[in-house]
Amino acid sequence: MPQAIRYLTKYLEKTGEKLIYSRGLYRYFVTDVMDENIICPYGENDKKFILSDKFSCWEDGEYLGTVSPEVIARLPKVT
């Protein structure tokens, strides 16, 4: 696990917050995101990211809204 993720996890636990598995939401979907919404890269090839919990979703330059089940439903999915 990258050191940045270990640090974030430790920090979240200290503040009484917790990581939540988003059961029922697609695990992977395709969206453009703004740099300010990226907390850190994740994975071996840095093509996946840990995002802030209220990130903006974009598709082909069109703003779709803040992430929500309704916005995710409009985005392309990765199977």
PDB file of N, CA and C in Angstrom:
ATOM      1  N   MET A   1       0.853  -1.170   0.000  1.00  0.00           N
ATOM      2  CA  MET A   1       0.000   0.000   0.000  1.00  0.00           C
ATOM      3  C   MET A   1       0.901   1.237   0.000  1.00  0.00           C
ATOM      4  N   PRO A   2       0.648   2.178  -0.910  1.00  0.00           N
ATOM      5  CA  PRO A   2       1.474   3.393  -0.949  1.00  0.00           C
ATOM      6  C   PRO A   2       1.428   4.152   0.381  1.00  0.00           C
ATOM      7  N   GLN A   3       2.524   4.805   0.697  1.00  0.00           N
ATOM      8  CA  GLN A   3       2.623   5.524   1.964  1.00  0.00           C
ATOM      9  C   GLN A   3       1.545   6.601   2.098  1.00  0.00           C
ATOM     10  N   ALA A   4       1.203   7.264   1.009  1.00  0.00           N
ATOM     11  CA  ALA A   4       0.172   8.310   1.074  1.00  0.00           C
ATOM     12  C   ALA A   4      -1.163   7.730   1.520  1.00  0.00           C
ATOM     13  N   ILE A   5      -1.485   6.535   1.048  1.00  0.00           N
ATOM     14  CA  ILE A   5      -2.758   5.912   1.424  1.00  0.00           C
ATOM     15  C   ILE A   5      -2.714   5.479   2.885  1.00  0.00           C
ATOM     16  N   ARG A   6      -1.582   4.929   3.326  1.00  0.00           N
ATOM     17  CA  ARG A   6      -1.449   4.557   4.740  1.00  0.00           C
ATOM     18  C   ARG A   6      -1.628   5.790   5.626  1.00  0.00           C
ATOM     19  N   TYR A   7      -1.030   6.897   5.223  1.00  0.00           N
ATOM     20  CA  TYR A   7      -1.151   8.133   5.994  1.00  0.00           C
ATOM     21  C   TYR A   7      -2.608   8.592   6.047  1.00  0.00           C
ATOM     22  N   LEU A   8      -3.274   8.601   4.898  1.00  0.00           N
ATOM     23  CA  LEU A   8      -4.672   9.038   4.864  1.00  0.00           C
ATOM     24  C   LEU A   8      -5.552   8.148   5.726  1.00  0.00           C
ATOM     25  N   THR A   9      -5.337   6.837   5.643  1.00  0.00           N
ATOM     26  CA  THR A   9      -6.126   5.906   6.443  1.00  0.00           C
ATOM     27  C   THR A   9      -5.906   6.164   7.930  1.00  0.00           C
ATOM     28  N   LYS A  10      -4.655   6.332   8.329  1.00  0.00           N
ATOM     29  CA  LYS A  10      -4.338   6.609   9.731  1.00  0.00           C
ATOM     30  C   LYS A  10      -4.987   7.921  10.176  1.00  0.00           C
ATOM     31  N   TYR A  11      -4.901   8.945   9.345  1.00  0.00           N
ATOM     32  CA  TYR A  11      -5.488  10.244   9.673  1.00  0.00           C
ATOM     33  C   TYR A  11      -7.006  10.140   9.819  1.00  0.00           C
ATOM     34  N   LEU A  12      -7.656   9.438   8.898  1.00  0.00           N
ATOM     35  CA  LEU A  12      -9.108   9.275   8.970  1.00  0.00           C
ATOM     36  C   LEU A  12      -9.511   8.558  10.250  1.00  0.00           C
ATOM     37  N   GLU A  13      -8.774   7.517  10.620  1.00  0.00           N
ATOM     38  CA  GLU A  13      -9.089   6.784  11.840  1.00  0.00           C
ATOM     39  C   GLU A  13      -8.913   7.662  13.074  1.00  0.00           C
ATOM     40  N   LYS A  14      -7.883   8.512  13.091  1.00  0.00           N
ATOM     41  CA  LYS A  14      -7.646   9.398  14.233  1.00  0.00           C
ATOM     42  C   LYS A  14      -8.768  10.410  14.409  1.00  0.00           C
ATOM     43  N   THR A  15      -9.362  10.846  13.317  1.00  0.00           N
ATOM     44  CA  THR A  15     -10.419  11.852  13.405  1.00  0.00           C
ATOM     45  C   THR A  15     -11.797  11.227  13.582  1.00  0.00           C
ATOM     46  N   GLY A  16     -11.836   9.893  13.719  1.00  0.00           N
ATOM     47  CA  GLY A  16     -13.110   9.225  13.938  1.00  0.00           C
ATOM     48  C   GLY A  16     -13.888   8.960  12.667  1.00  0.00           C
ATOM     49  N   GLU A  17     -13.298   9.233  11.526  1.00  0.00           N
ATOM     50  CA  GLU A  17     -13.977   8.979  10.262  1.00  0.00           C
ATOM     51  C   GLU A  17     -13.656   7.573   9.808  1.00  0.00           C
ATOM     52  N   LYS A  18     -14.347   7.113   8.795  1.00  0.00           N
ATOM     53  CA  LYS A  18     -14.086   5.767   8.312  1.00  0.00           C
ATOM     54  C   LYS A  18     -14.210   5.726   6.804  1.00  0.00           C
ATOM     55  N   LEU A  19     -13.540   4.755   6.226  1.00  0.00           N
ATOM     56  CA  LEU A  19     -13.670   4.511   4.801  1.00  0.00           C
ATOM     57  C   LEU A  19     -14.922   3.682   4.584  1.00  0.00           C
ATOM     58  N   ILE A  20     -15.641   3.969   3.525  1.00  0.00           N
ATOM     59  CA  ILE A  20     -16.898   3.273   3.263  1.00  0.00           C
ATOM     60  C   ILE A  20     -16.815   2.582   1.923  1.00  0.00           C
ATOM     61  N   TYR A  21     -17.164   1.311   1.919  1.00  0.00           N
ATOM     62  CA  TYR A  21     -17.272   0.578   0.664  1.00  0.00           C
ATOM     63  C   TYR A  21     -18.621   0.930   0.070  1.00  0.00           C
ATOM     64  N   SER A  22     -18.630   1.414  -1.137  1.00  0.00           N
ATOM     65  CA  SER A  22     -19.869   1.880  -1.775  1.00  0.00           C
ATOM     66  C   SER A  22     -20.603   0.724  -2.438  1.00  0.00           C
ATOM     67  N   ARG A  23     -21.149  -0.140  -1.644  1.00  0.00           N
ATOM     68  CA  ARG A  23     -21.897  -1.275  -2.160  1.00  0.00           C
ATOM     69  C   ARG A  23     -23.095  -0.760  -2.950  1.00  0.00           C
ATOM     70  N   GLY A  24     -23.331  -1.358  -4.094  1.00  0.00           N
ATOM     71  CA  GLY A  24     -24.458  -0.956  -4.920  1.00  0.00           C
ATOM     72  C   GLY A  24     -24.086   0.061  -5.987  1.00  0.00           C
ATOM     73  N   LEU A  25     -22.931   0.706  -5.852  1.00  0.00           N
ATOM     74  CA  LEU A  25     -22.464   1.619  -6.890  1.00  0.00           C
ATOM     75  C   LEU A  25     -21.466   0.874  -7.760  1.00  0.00           C
ATOM     76  N   TYR A  26     -21.344   1.302  -8.995  1.00  0.00           N
ATOM     77  CA  TYR A  26     -20.353   0.691  -9.870  1.00  0.00           C
ATOM     78  C   TYR A  26     -18.968   0.917  -9.286  1.00  0.00           C
ATOM     79  N   ARG A  27     -18.141  -0.093  -9.386  1.00  0.00           N
ATOM     80  CA  ARG A  27     -16.792   0.037  -8.857  1.00  0.00           C
ATOM     81  C   ARG A  27     -15.942   0.932  -9.742  1.00  0.00           C
ATOM     82  N   TYR A  28     -16.098   0.783 -11.033  1.00  0.00           N
ATOM     83  CA  TYR A  28     -15.315   1.591 -11.967  1.00  0.00           C
ATOM     84  C   TYR A  28     -16.241   2.256 -12.970  1.00  0.00           C
ATOM     85  N   PHE A  29     -16.087   3.537 -13.131  1.00  0.00           N
ATOM     86  CA  PHE A  29     -16.799   4.270 -14.161  1.00  0.00           C
ATOM     87  C   PHE A  29     -15.832   5.286 -14.741  1.00  0.00           C
ATOM     88  N   VAL A  30     -16.161   5.789 -15.904  1.00  0.00           N
ATOM     89  CA  VAL A  30     -15.254   6.680 -16.624  1.00  0.00           C
ATOM     90  C   VAL A  30     -15.771   8.107 -16.504  1.00  0.00           C
ATOM     91  N   THR A  31     -14.923   9.004 -16.045  1.00  0.00           N
ATOM     92  CA  THR A  31     -15.268  10.416 -15.966  1.00  0.00           C
ATOM     93  C   THR A  31     -13.985  11.240 -16.031  1.00  0.00           C
ATOM     94  N   ASP A  32     -14.096  12.439 -16.514  1.00  0.00           N
ATOM     95  CA  ASP A  32     -12.998  13.390 -16.398  1.00  0.00           C
ATOM     96  C   ASP A  32     -13.160  14.056 -15.038  1.00  0.00           C
ATOM     97  N   VAL A  33     -12.062  14.311 -14.361  1.00  0.00           N
ATOM     98  CA  VAL A  33     -12.117  14.982 -13.065  1.00  0.00           C
ATOM     99  C   VAL A  33     -11.145  16.150 -13.064  1.00  0.00           C
ATOM    100  N   MET A  34     -11.396  17.076 -12.194  1.00  0.00           N
ATOM    101  CA  MET A  34     -10.527  18.234 -12.042  1.00  0.00           C
ATOM    102  C   MET A  34      -9.359  17.858 -11.128  1.00  0.00           C
ATOM    103  N   ASP A  35      -8.205  18.448 -11.358  1.00  0.00           N
ATOM    104  CA  ASP A  35      -7.022  18.149 -10.547  1.00  0.00           C
ATOM    105  C   ASP A  35      -7.284  18.349  -9.057  1.00  0.00           C
ATOM    106  N   GLU A  36      -8.059  19.351  -8.702  1.00  0.00           N
ATOM    107  CA  GLU A  36      -8.294  19.630  -7.285  1.00  0.00           C
ATOM    108  C   GLU A  36      -9.135  18.550  -6.600  1.00  0.00           C
ATOM    109  N   ASN A  37      -9.773  17.667  -7.375  1.00  0.00           N
ATOM    110  CA  ASN A  37     -10.554  16.570  -6.802  1.00  0.00           C
ATOM    111  C   ASN A  37      -9.721  15.320  -6.552  1.00  0.00           C
ATOM    112  N   ILE A  38      -8.482  15.280  -7.034  1.00  0.00           N
ATOM    113  CA  ILE A  38      -7.630  14.105  -6.885  1.00  0.00           C
ATOM    114  C   ILE A  38      -6.831  14.219  -5.590  1.00  0.00           C
ATOM    115  N   ILE A  39      -7.002  13.226  -4.713  1.00  0.00           N
ATOM    116  CA  ILE A  39      -6.227  13.196  -3.475  1.00  0.00           C
ATOM    117  C   ILE A  39      -4.857  12.589  -3.744  1.00  0.00           C
ATOM    118  N   CYS A  40      -4.829  11.429  -4.416  1.00  0.00           N
ATOM    119  CA  CYS A  40      -3.552  10.813  -4.789  1.00  0.00           C
ATOM    120  C   CYS A  40      -3.806   9.717  -5.810  1.00  0.00           C
ATOM    121  N   PRO A  41      -2.780   9.368  -6.600  1.00  0.00           N
ATOM    122  CA  PRO A  41      -2.907   8.240  -7.525  1.00  0.00           C
ATOM    123  C   PRO A  41      -2.968   6.939  -6.730  1.00  0.00           C
ATOM    124  N   TYR A  42      -3.555   5.918  -7.342  1.00  0.00           N
ATOM    125  CA  TYR A  42      -3.713   4.630  -6.682  1.00  0.00           C
ATOM    126  C   TYR A  42      -3.452   3.531  -7.693  1.00  0.00           C
ATOM    127  N   GLY A  43      -2.776   2.497  -7.290  1.00  0.00           N
ATOM    128  CA  GLY A  43      -2.523   1.381  -8.187  1.00  0.00           C
ATOM    129  C   GLY A  43      -1.139   1.455  -8.791  1.00  0.00           C
ATOM    130  N   GLU A  44      -0.834   0.439  -9.561  1.00  0.00           N
ATOM    131  CA  GLU A  44       0.512   0.299 -10.098  1.00  0.00           C
ATOM    132  C   GLU A  44       0.818   1.256 -11.243  1.00  0.00           C
ATOM    133  N   ASN A  45      -0.156   1.600 -12.050  1.00  0.00           N
ATOM    134  CA  ASN A  45       0.126   2.417 -13.236  1.00  0.00           C
ATOM    135  C   ASN A  45      -0.356   3.862 -13.103  1.00  0.00           C
ATOM    136  N   ASP A  46      -0.780   4.261 -11.934  1.00  0.00           N
ATOM    137  CA  ASP A  46      -1.232   5.636 -11.664  1.00  0.00           C
ATOM    138  C   ASP A  46      -2.343   6.097 -12.602  1.00  0.00           C
ATOM    139  N   LYS A  47      -3.179   5.181 -13.051  1.00  0.00           N
ATOM    140  CA  LYS A  47      -4.329   5.557 -13.870  1.00  0.00           C
ATOM    141  C   LYS A  47      -5.621   5.530 -13.068  1.00  0.00           C
ATOM    142  N   LYS A  48      -5.536   5.131 -11.822  1.00  0.00           N
ATOM    143  CA  LYS A  48      -6.673   5.152 -10.909  1.00  0.00           C
ATOM    144  C   LYS A  48      -6.340   6.169  -9.832  1.00  0.00           C
ATOM    145  N   PHE A  49      -7.378   6.767  -9.247  1.00  0.00           N
ATOM    146  CA  PHE A  49      -7.152   7.820  -8.272  1.00  0.00           C
ATOM    147  C   PHE A  49      -8.080   7.665  -7.085  1.00  0.00           C
ATOM    148  N   ILE A  50      -7.611   8.110  -5.941  1.00  0.00           N
ATOM    149  CA  ILE A  50      -8.491   8.300  -4.796  1.00  0.00           C
ATOM    150  C   ILE A  50      -8.963   9.737  -4.897  1.00  0.00           C
ATOM    151  N   LEU A  51     -10.282   9.901  -4.920  1.00  0.00           N
ATOM    152  CA  LEU A  51     -10.878  11.218  -5.142  1.00  0.00           C
ATOM    153  C   LEU A  51     -11.528  11.741  -3.872  1.00  0.00           C
ATOM    154  N   SER A  52     -11.714  13.045  -3.813  1.00  0.00           N
ATOM    155  CA  SER A  52     -12.464  13.627  -2.707  1.00  0.00           C
ATOM    156  C   SER A  52     -13.886  13.076  -2.750  1.00  0.00           C
ATOM    157  N   ASP A  53     -14.573  13.127  -1.635  1.00  0.00           N
ATOM    158  CA  ASP A  53     -15.888  12.493  -1.575  1.00  0.00           C
ATOM    159  C   ASP A  53     -16.976  13.241  -2.337  1.00  0.00           C
ATOM    160  N   LYS A  54     -16.723  14.458  -2.761  1.00  0.00           N
ATOM    161  CA  LYS A  54     -17.720  15.218  -3.532  1.00  0.00           C
ATOM    162  C   LYS A  54     -17.077  15.769  -4.792  1.00  0.00           C
ATOM    163  N   PHE A  55     -16.565  14.855  -5.625  1.00  0.00           N
ATOM    164  CA  PHE A  55     -15.877  15.297  -6.828  1.00  0.00           C
ATOM    165  C   PHE A  55     -16.861  15.572  -7.961  1.00  0.00           C
ATOM    166  N   SER A  56     -16.434  16.408  -8.893  1.00  0.00           N
ATOM    167  CA  SER A  56     -17.246  16.770 -10.054  1.00  0.00           C
ATOM    168  C   SER A  56     -17.049  15.748 -11.161  1.00  0.00           C
ATOM    169  N   CYS A  57     -18.126  15.397 -11.848  1.00  0.00           N
ATOM    170  CA  CYS A  57     -18.063  14.449 -12.962  1.00  0.00           C
ATOM    171  C   CYS A  57     -18.260  15.194 -14.275  1.00  0.00           C
ATOM    172  N   TRP A  58     -17.428  14.862 -15.243  1.00  0.00           N
ATOM    173  CA  TRP A  58     -17.451  15.480 -16.563  1.00  0.00           C
ATOM    174  C   TRP A  58     -17.428  14.388 -17.619  1.00  0.00           C
ATOM    175  N   GLU A  59     -18.088  14.622 -18.725  1.00  0.00           N
ATOM    176  CA  GLU A  59     -18.000  13.716 -19.865  1.00  0.00           C
ATOM    177  C   GLU A  59     -17.907  14.545 -21.135  1.00  0.00           C
ATOM    178  N   ASP A  60     -16.825  14.367 -21.860  1.00  0.00           N
ATOM    179  CA  ASP A  60     -16.584  15.097 -23.108  1.00  0.00           C
ATOM    180  C   ASP A  60     -16.748  16.604 -22.933  1.00  0.00           C
ATOM    181  N   GLY A  61     -16.219  17.145 -21.824  1.00  0.00           N
ATOM    182  CA  GLY A  61     -16.268  18.578 -21.576  1.00  0.00           C
ATOM    183  C   GLY A  61     -17.579  19.084 -21.008  1.00  0.00           C
ATOM    184  N   GLU A  62     -18.555  18.207 -20.831  1.00  0.00           N
ATOM    185  CA  GLU A  62     -19.853  18.607 -20.269  1.00  0.00           C
ATOM    186  C   GLU A  62     -19.887  18.265 -18.786  1.00  0.00           C
ATOM    187  N   TYR A  63     -20.198  19.268 -17.953  1.00  0.00           N
ATOM    188  CA  TYR A  63     -20.310  19.050 -16.513  1.00  0.00           C
ATOM    189  C   TYR A  63     -21.605  18.308 -16.226  1.00  0.00           C
ATOM    190  N   LEU A  64     -21.497  17.153 -15.566  1.00  0.00           N
ATOM    191  CA  LEU A  64     -22.683  16.357 -15.260  1.00  0.00           C
ATOM    192  C   LEU A  64     -23.174  16.556 -13.837  1.00  0.00           C
ATOM    193  N   GLY A  65     -22.315  17.054 -12.960  1.00  0.00           N
ATOM    194  CA  GLY A  65     -22.717  17.294 -11.580  1.00  0.00           C
ATOM    195  C   GLY A  65     -21.745  16.674 -10.596  1.00  0.00           C
ATOM    196  N   THR A  66     -22.049  16.868  -9.320  1.00  0.00           N
ATOM    197  CA  THR A  66     -21.265  16.252  -8.255  1.00  0.00           C
ATOM    198  C   THR A  66     -21.625  14.782  -8.193  1.00  0.00           C
ATOM    199  N   VAL A  67     -20.649  13.953  -7.903  1.00  0.00           N
ATOM    200  CA  VAL A  67     -20.871  12.509  -7.908  1.00  0.00           C
ATOM    201  C   VAL A  67     -22.076  12.131  -7.041  1.00  0.00           C
ATOM    202  N   SER A  68     -22.913  11.288  -7.586  1.00  0.00           N
ATOM    203  CA  SER A  68     -24.105  10.771  -6.910  1.00  0.00           C
ATOM    204  C   SER A  68     -24.547   9.544  -7.694  1.00  0.00           C
ATOM    205  N   PRO A  69     -25.409   8.718  -7.140  1.00  0.00           N
ATOM    206  CA  PRO A  69     -25.893   7.567  -7.912  1.00  0.00           C
ATOM    207  C   PRO A  69     -26.522   7.970  -9.243  1.00  0.00           C
ATOM    208  N   GLU A  70     -27.216   9.094  -9.271  1.00  0.00           N
ATOM    209  CA  GLU A  70     -27.861   9.547 -10.503  1.00  0.00           C
ATOM    210  C   GLU A  70     -26.831   9.962 -11.560  1.00  0.00           C
ATOM    211  N   VAL A  71     -25.788  10.668 -11.133  1.00  0.00           N
ATOM    212  CA  VAL A  71     -24.743  11.095 -12.071  1.00  0.00           C
ATOM    213  C   VAL A  71     -23.950   9.882 -12.553  1.00  0.00           C
ATOM    214  N   ILE A  72     -23.612   8.972 -11.652  1.00  0.00           N
ATOM    215  CA  ILE A  72     -22.877   7.766 -12.039  1.00  0.00           C
ATOM    216  C   ILE A  72     -23.670   6.960 -13.057  1.00  0.00           C
ATOM    217  N   ALA A  73     -24.981   6.930 -12.930  1.00  0.00           N
ATOM    218  CA  ALA A  73     -25.817   6.186 -13.879  1.00  0.00           C
ATOM    219  C   ALA A  73     -25.672   6.725 -15.299  1.00  0.00           C
ATOM    220  N   ARG A  74     -25.320   7.998 -15.438  1.00  0.00           N
ATOM    221  CA  ARG A  74     -25.174   8.615 -16.765  1.00  0.00           C
ATOM    222  C   ARG A  74     -23.781   8.422 -17.363  1.00  0.00           C
ATOM    223  N   LEU A  75     -22.834   7.946 -16.576  1.00  0.00           N
ATOM    224  CA  LEU A  75     -21.446   7.806 -17.027  1.00  0.00           C
ATOM    225  C   LEU A  75     -21.190   6.431 -17.638  1.00  0.00           C
ATOM    226  N   PRO A  76     -20.229   6.342 -18.570  1.00  0.00           N
ATOM    227  CA  PRO A  76     -19.838   5.029 -19.098  1.00  0.00           C
ATOM    228  C   PRO A  76     -19.213   4.181 -17.986  1.00  0.00           C
ATOM    229  N   LYS A  77     -19.439   2.886 -18.026  1.00  0.00           N
ATOM    230  CA  LYS A  77     -18.921   1.961 -17.011  1.00  0.00           C
ATOM    231  C   LYS A  77     -17.810   1.100 -17.592  1.00  0.00           C
ATOM    232  N   VAL A  78     -16.944   0.638 -16.713  1.00  0.00           N
ATOM    233  CA  VAL A  78     -15.879  -0.290 -17.085  1.00  0.00           C
ATOM    234  C   VAL A  78     -16.253  -1.640 -16.496  1.00  0.00           C
ATOM    235  N   THR A  79     -16.247  -2.651 -17.335  1.00  0.00           N
ATOM    236  CA  THR A  79     -16.606  -3.982 -16.831  1.00  0.00           C
ATOM    237  C   THR A  79     -15.396  -4.850 -16.649  1.00  0.00           C
TER     238      THR A  79
END
